[in-house]
Amino acid sequence: MLLQFCLINRNQAIAFYIVQKMMTGEDVNAGALKYFFRAYVVDRNIREILNAKDFHALQTNATLPISEFKKVAPKYRDVIPVYINNYVNLEQFVA
């Protein structure tokens, strides 16, 4: 079930990490991570907001509302964008 959250094969590392954390007892909201991950990948505006740390802009954003953003543990808010920027070719998601 958690492996469905992957967008492309390279992202299996994140899914595996989440499964590991869940097995070791760390509280991980996989649904929130999936939502955050997809929003960051598919929406350039979200990437700009998060990179600029302009979190007030999420109050009126339909792609990643502040309520969904707050469900993601703070450490993953930093780790996921770094991972995506390093390992995901964002050009393939440009509309």
C-alpha atoms as a PDB file:
ATOM      1  CA  MET A   1       0.000   0.000   0.000  1.00  0.00           C
ATOM      2  CA  LEU A   2       2.738   2.492   0.861  1.00  0.00           C
ATOM      3  CA  LEU A   3       4.625   1.646  -2.290  1.00  0.00           C
ATOM      4  CA  GLN A   4       1.737   3.105  -4.309  1.00  0.00           C
ATOM      5  CA  PHE A   5       2.908   6.507  -3.150  1.00  0.00           C
ATOM      6  CA  CYS A   6       5.888   6.361  -5.514  1.00  0.00           C
ATOM      7  CA  LEU A   7       5.689   8.425  -8.667  1.00  0.00           C
ATOM      8  CA  ILE A   8       8.698   6.862 -10.367  1.00  0.00           C
ATOM      9  CA  ASN A   9      11.092   4.009  -9.572  1.00  0.00           C
ATOM     10  CA  ARG A  10      13.706   6.159  -7.841  1.00  0.00           C
ATOM     11  CA  ASN A  11      11.156   7.161  -5.267  1.00  0.00           C
ATOM     12  CA  GLN A  12      10.996   3.635  -3.951  1.00  0.00           C
ATOM     13  CA  ALA A  13      13.831   4.671  -1.644  1.00  0.00           C
ATOM     14  CA  ILE A  14      11.510   7.118   0.114  1.00  0.00           C
ATOM     15  CA  ALA A  15       8.724   4.548   0.332  1.00  0.00           C
ATOM     16  CA  PHE A  16      11.170   2.014   1.762  1.00  0.00           C
ATOM     17  CA  TYR A  17      12.392   4.588   4.291  1.00  0.00           C
ATOM     18  CA  ILE A  18       8.824   5.294   5.407  1.00  0.00           C
ATOM     19  CA  VAL A  19       8.073   1.587   5.791  1.00  0.00           C
ATOM     20  CA  GLN A  20      11.263   1.194   7.839  1.00  0.00           C
ATOM     21  CA  LYS A  21      10.273   4.071  10.126  1.00  0.00           C
ATOM     22  CA  MET A  22       6.789   2.668  10.608  1.00  0.00           C
ATOM     23  CA  MET A  23       8.249  -0.723  11.506  1.00  0.00           C
ATOM     24  CA  THR A  24      10.567   0.860  14.077  1.00  0.00           C
ATOM     25  CA  GLY A  25       7.682   2.668  15.724  1.00  0.00           C
ATOM     26  CA  GLU A  26       8.199   6.194  14.362  1.00  0.00           C
ATOM     27  CA  ASP A  27       4.887   7.881  13.692  1.00  0.00           C
ATOM     28  CA  VAL A  28       4.790   8.582   9.956  1.00  0.00           C
ATOM     29  CA  ASN A  29       1.726   9.979   8.192  1.00  0.00           C
ATOM     30  CA  ALA A  30       2.212   8.309   4.816  1.00  0.00           C
ATOM     31  CA  GLY A  31      -0.851   9.970   3.312  1.00  0.00           C
ATOM     32  CA  ALA A  32       0.433  13.431   4.180  1.00  0.00           C
ATOM     33  CA  LEU A  33       3.879  12.606   2.792  1.00  0.00           C
ATOM     34  CA  LYS A  34       2.336  11.362  -0.445  1.00  0.00           C
ATOM     35  CA  TYR A  35       0.247  14.522  -0.796  1.00  0.00           C
ATOM     36  CA  PHE A  36       3.247  16.756  -0.070  1.00  0.00           C
ATOM     37  CA  PHE A  37       5.509  14.801  -2.429  1.00  0.00           C
ATOM     38  CA  ARG A  38       3.094  14.974  -5.349  1.00  0.00           C
ATOM     39  CA  ALA A  39       2.284  18.643  -4.797  1.00  0.00           C
ATOM     40  CA  TYR A  40       5.985  19.515  -4.795  1.00  0.00           C
ATOM     41  CA  VAL A  41       6.655  17.528  -7.967  1.00  0.00           C
ATOM     42  CA  VAL A  42       3.737  18.673 -10.100  1.00  0.00           C
ATOM     43  CA  ASP A  43       3.319  22.318  -9.074  1.00  0.00           C
ATOM     44  CA  ARG A  44       6.067  24.843  -9.794  1.00  0.00           C
ATOM     45  CA  ASN A  45       4.255  27.431  -7.653  1.00  0.00           C
ATOM     46  CA  ILE A  46       4.424  25.109  -4.627  1.00  0.00           C
ATOM     47  CA  ARG A  47       8.152  24.614  -5.178  1.00  0.00           C
ATOM     48  CA  GLU A  48       8.671  28.378  -5.272  1.00  0.00           C
ATOM     49  CA  ILE A  49       6.597  28.911  -2.109  1.00  0.00           C
ATOM     50  CA  LEU A  50       8.419  26.206  -0.164  1.00  0.00           C
ATOM     51  CA  ASN A  51      11.880  27.182  -1.390  1.00  0.00           C
ATOM     52  CA  ALA A  52      11.212  30.793  -0.370  1.00  0.00           C
ATOM     53  CA  LYS A  53       9.700  29.556   2.925  1.00  0.00           C
ATOM     54  CA  ASP A  54       6.663  31.773   2.259  1.00  0.00           C
ATOM     55  CA  PHE A  55       4.270  29.510   4.151  1.00  0.00           C
ATOM     56  CA  HIS A  56       1.571  32.179   4.409  1.00  0.00           C
ATOM     57  CA  ALA A  57       0.996  31.706   0.678  1.00  0.00           C
ATOM     58  CA  LEU A  58      -0.254  28.190   1.440  1.00  0.00           C
ATOM     59  CA  GLN A  59      -3.280  29.701   3.200  1.00  0.00           C
ATOM     60  CA  THR A  60      -4.902  30.311  -0.189  1.00  0.00           C
ATOM     61  CA  ASN A  61      -3.233  27.592  -2.249  1.00  0.00           C
ATOM     62  CA  ALA A  62      -5.472  24.814  -3.561  1.00  0.00           C
ATOM     63  CA  THR A  63      -2.665  22.391  -4.469  1.00  0.00           C
ATOM     64  CA  LEU A  64      -1.118  22.220  -0.987  1.00  0.00           C
ATOM     65  CA  PRO A  65      -3.300  23.901   1.628  1.00  0.00           C
ATOM     66  CA  ILE A  66      -1.693  24.819   4.948  1.00  0.00           C
ATOM     67  CA  SER A  67      -3.765  22.121   6.676  1.00  0.00           C
ATOM     68  CA  GLU A  68      -2.089  19.415   4.556  1.00  0.00           C
ATOM     69  CA  PHE A  69       1.324  21.031   4.932  1.00  0.00           C
ATOM     70  CA  LYS A  70       1.045  20.922   8.736  1.00  0.00           C
ATOM     71  CA  LYS A  71       0.343  17.180   8.657  1.00  0.00           C
ATOM     72  CA  VAL A  72       3.881  16.582   7.354  1.00  0.00           C
ATOM     73  CA  ALA A  73       6.504  16.231  10.097  1.00  0.00           C
ATOM     74  CA  PRO A  74       8.938  19.193  10.020  1.00  0.00           C
ATOM     75  CA  LYS A  75      11.971  17.055   9.186  1.00  0.00           C
ATOM     76  CA  TYR A  76      10.244  15.670   6.070  1.00  0.00           C
ATOM     77  CA  ARG A  77       9.345  19.187   4.920  1.00  0.00           C
ATOM     78  CA  ASP A  78      13.067  19.673   4.361  1.00  0.00           C
ATOM     79  CA  VAL A  79      14.112  16.157   3.324  1.00  0.00           C
ATOM     80  CA  ILE A  80      11.543  15.580   0.586  1.00  0.00           C
ATOM     81  CA  PRO A  81      12.319  18.729  -1.463  1.00  0.00           C
ATOM     82  CA  VAL A  82      16.058  17.987  -1.276  1.00  0.00           C
ATOM     83  CA  TYR A  83      15.460  14.418  -2.415  1.00  0.00           C
ATOM     84  CA  ILE A  84      13.214  15.527  -5.276  1.00  0.00           C
ATOM     85  CA  ASN A  85      15.650  18.192  -6.432  1.00  0.00           C
ATOM     86  CA  ASN A  86      18.499  15.657  -6.425  1.00  0.00           C
ATOM     87  CA  TYR A  87      16.813  12.592  -7.901  1.00  0.00           C
ATOM     88  CA  VAL A  88      13.626  13.513  -9.783  1.00  0.00           C
ATOM     89  CA  ASN A  89      13.690  15.018 -13.256  1.00  0.00           C
ATOM     90  CA  LEU A  90      11.043  17.699 -12.784  1.00  0.00           C
ATOM     91  CA  GLU A  91      11.063  18.558 -16.489  1.00  0.00           C
ATOM     92  CA  GLN A  92       8.998  15.451 -17.226  1.00  0.00           C
ATOM     93  CA  PHE A  93       6.160  16.871 -15.124  1.00  0.00           C
ATOM     94  CA  VAL A  94       6.008  20.254 -16.874  1.00  0.00           C
ATOM     95  CA  ALA A  95       2.618  20.753 -18.478  1.00  0.00           C
END
